[in-house]
N, C-alpha and C. Protein backbone atom coordinates (compact mmCIF):
# COMPACT_ATOMS: atom_id res chain seq x y z
N MET A 1 0.85 -1.18 0.00
CA MET A 1 0.00 0.00 0.00
C MET A 1 0.89 1.24 0.00
N ARG A 2 0.62 2.13 -0.91
CA ARG A 2 1.39 3.36 -1.00
C ARG A 2 0.54 4.53 -0.52
N LEU A 3 1.19 5.44 0.17
CA LEU A 3 0.51 6.65 0.63
C LEU A 3 0.76 7.78 -0.35
N SER A 4 -0.23 8.62 -0.51
CA SER A 4 -0.05 9.80 -1.36
C SER A 4 0.94 10.74 -0.66
N PRO A 5 1.56 11.64 -1.40
CA PRO A 5 2.50 12.57 -0.78
C PRO A 5 1.87 13.37 0.36
N ALA A 6 0.60 13.76 0.21
CA ALA A 6 -0.07 14.51 1.27
C ALA A 6 -0.25 13.65 2.52
N ALA A 7 -0.67 12.39 2.33
CA ALA A 7 -0.87 11.49 3.46
C ALA A 7 0.46 11.18 4.14
N LEU A 8 1.50 11.00 3.35
CA LEU A 8 2.82 10.72 3.89
C LEU A 8 3.32 11.90 4.71
N SER A 9 3.09 13.10 4.20
CA SER A 9 3.50 14.31 4.90
C SER A 9 2.78 14.41 6.24
N GLN A 10 1.46 14.13 6.23
CA GLN A 10 0.67 14.19 7.47
C GLN A 10 1.16 13.13 8.45
N THR A 11 1.46 11.94 7.97
CA THR A 11 1.95 10.87 8.82
C THR A 11 3.28 11.28 9.46
N ASN A 12 4.17 11.85 8.67
CA ASN A 12 5.46 12.30 9.19
C ASN A 12 5.29 13.38 10.24
N THR A 13 4.35 14.30 10.02
CA THR A 13 4.08 15.37 10.98
C THR A 13 3.58 14.78 12.29
N ASN A 14 2.62 13.86 12.21
CA ASN A 14 2.10 13.23 13.42
C ASN A 14 3.19 12.46 14.14
N TYR A 15 3.98 11.72 13.39
CA TYR A 15 5.06 10.94 13.99
C TYR A 15 6.04 11.86 14.70
N SER A 16 6.39 12.94 14.04
CA SER A 16 7.34 13.88 14.62
C SER A 16 6.79 14.49 15.91
N GLN A 17 5.52 14.88 15.89
CA GLN A 17 4.89 15.45 17.08
C GLN A 17 4.82 14.43 18.21
N GLU A 18 4.43 13.21 17.89
CA GLU A 18 4.33 12.17 18.91
C GLU A 18 5.70 11.80 19.47
N LYS A 19 6.72 11.77 18.61
CA LYS A 19 8.07 11.46 19.06
C LYS A 19 8.56 12.56 20.01
N HIS A 20 8.31 13.81 19.64
CA HIS A 20 8.72 14.93 20.49
C HIS A 20 8.01 14.85 21.84
N ARG A 21 6.72 14.55 21.83
CA ARG A 21 5.95 14.44 23.08
C ARG A 21 6.50 13.30 23.94
N CYS A 22 6.82 12.18 23.32
CA CYS A 22 7.37 11.03 24.04
C CYS A 22 8.71 11.39 24.68
N GLU A 23 9.56 12.08 23.93
CA GLU A 23 10.86 12.49 24.47
C GLU A 23 10.68 13.46 25.64
N TYR A 24 9.71 14.38 25.52
CA TYR A 24 9.43 15.32 26.59
C TYR A 24 8.97 14.59 27.85
N LEU A 25 8.03 13.66 27.69
CA LEU A 25 7.53 12.92 28.85
C LEU A 25 8.61 12.04 29.47
N HIS A 26 9.46 11.45 28.64
CA HIS A 26 10.56 10.64 29.15
C HIS A 26 11.51 11.50 29.99
N SER A 27 11.80 12.68 29.51
CA SER A 27 12.67 13.60 30.23
C SER A 27 12.03 14.01 31.56
N LYS A 28 10.74 14.28 31.53
CA LYS A 28 10.02 14.68 32.73
C LYS A 28 10.02 13.55 33.77
N LEU A 29 9.80 12.32 33.31
CA LEU A 29 9.82 11.17 34.20
C LEU A 29 11.20 10.98 34.80
N ALA A 30 12.24 11.13 34.00
CA ALA A 30 13.61 10.98 34.50
C ALA A 30 13.89 12.03 35.57
N HIS A 31 13.41 13.24 35.38
CA HIS A 31 13.60 14.30 36.36
C HIS A 31 12.90 13.95 37.68
N ILE A 32 11.67 13.47 37.60
CA ILE A 32 10.93 13.09 38.81
C ILE A 32 11.64 11.94 39.53
N LYS A 33 12.13 10.97 38.77
CA LYS A 33 12.85 9.85 39.38
C LYS A 33 14.12 10.33 40.09
N ARG A 34 14.81 11.32 39.50
CA ARG A 34 16.00 11.88 40.14
C ARG A 34 15.62 12.56 41.45
N LEU A 35 14.52 13.32 41.45
CA LEU A 35 14.08 13.99 42.66
C LEU A 35 13.76 12.98 43.76
N ILE A 36 13.11 11.89 43.41
CA ILE A 36 12.77 10.85 44.38
C ILE A 36 14.04 10.21 44.92
N ALA A 37 14.99 9.91 44.05
CA ALA A 37 16.25 9.30 44.49
C ALA A 37 17.00 10.24 45.44
N GLU A 38 17.02 11.54 45.13
CA GLU A 38 17.67 12.51 46.01
C GLU A 38 16.97 12.57 47.36
N TYR A 39 15.66 12.57 47.36
CA TYR A 39 14.89 12.59 48.61
C TYR A 39 15.20 11.34 49.44
N ASP A 40 15.16 10.18 48.79
CA ASP A 40 15.46 8.93 49.50
C ASP A 40 16.86 8.96 50.09
N GLN A 41 17.82 9.48 49.34
CA GLN A 41 19.20 9.55 49.83
C GLN A 41 19.29 10.47 51.04
N ARG A 42 18.61 11.60 51.00
CA ARG A 42 18.61 12.51 52.15
C ARG A 42 17.99 11.84 53.37
N GLN A 43 16.94 11.06 53.16
CA GLN A 43 16.29 10.37 54.28
C GLN A 43 17.23 9.35 54.91
N LEU A 44 18.02 8.68 54.11
CA LEU A 44 18.97 7.69 54.64
C LEU A 44 20.10 8.36 55.41
N GLN A 45 20.48 9.56 55.00
CA GLN A 45 21.58 10.25 55.64
C GLN A 45 21.16 11.03 56.88
N ALA A 46 19.87 11.31 57.04
CA ALA A 46 19.39 12.09 58.17
C ALA A 46 19.48 11.27 59.45
N PRO A 47 19.80 11.94 60.58
CA PRO A 47 19.79 11.22 61.86
C PRO A 47 18.40 10.65 62.12
N ARG A 48 18.36 9.58 62.90
CA ARG A 48 17.09 8.87 63.13
C ARG A 48 15.96 9.79 63.59
N GLY A 49 16.22 10.67 64.53
CA GLY A 49 15.17 11.54 65.05
C GLY A 49 14.74 12.62 64.08
N ARG A 50 15.54 12.88 63.06
CA ARG A 50 15.26 13.96 62.13
C ARG A 50 14.54 13.50 60.87
N ARG A 51 14.35 12.21 60.72
CA ARG A 51 13.67 11.72 59.52
C ARG A 51 12.22 12.18 59.54
N SER A 52 11.77 12.60 58.40
CA SER A 52 10.38 13.06 58.33
C SER A 52 9.44 11.87 58.43
N ARG A 53 8.36 12.10 59.06
CA ARG A 53 7.34 11.06 59.23
C ARG A 53 6.02 11.60 58.71
N ALA A 54 5.11 10.69 58.51
CA ALA A 54 3.76 11.12 58.13
C ALA A 54 3.17 11.87 59.32
N PRO A 55 2.41 12.91 59.07
CA PRO A 55 1.82 13.66 60.19
C PRO A 55 0.90 12.76 61.00
N ALA A 56 0.89 13.00 62.31
CA ALA A 56 0.03 12.21 63.19
C ALA A 56 -1.43 12.52 62.88
N ARG A 57 -2.27 11.50 63.03
CA ARG A 57 -3.70 11.71 62.79
C ARG A 57 -4.31 12.37 64.02
N PRO A 58 -5.19 13.32 63.81
CA PRO A 58 -5.87 13.94 64.96
C PRO A 58 -6.66 12.89 65.73
N ALA A 59 -6.78 13.09 67.05
CA ALA A 59 -7.42 12.12 67.93
C ALA A 59 -8.85 11.81 67.48
N HIS A 60 -9.57 12.79 66.99
CA HIS A 60 -10.96 12.55 66.60
C HIS A 60 -11.08 11.69 65.35
N LEU A 61 -9.98 11.49 64.62
CA LEU A 61 -10.02 10.64 63.43
C LEU A 61 -9.52 9.23 63.70
N THR A 62 -8.90 9.01 64.83
CA THR A 62 -8.41 7.66 65.15
C THR A 62 -9.55 6.89 65.77
N GLY A 63 -9.59 5.63 65.49
CA GLY A 63 -10.75 4.88 65.94
C GLY A 63 -10.38 3.81 66.82
């Protein structure tokens, strides 16, 4: 099956846009993963008493 020049051009445009979007999202994911790794590393290096914890639940919400 052969595509007309117009269809081929449209396909190339869509492919190019989708490839660019994929590269952007991949970069964004890599950045988030780096932030998580840095956070985890800081948590391991922090003294035991200084590690952040989840906030305590208010007494009226504990059952």
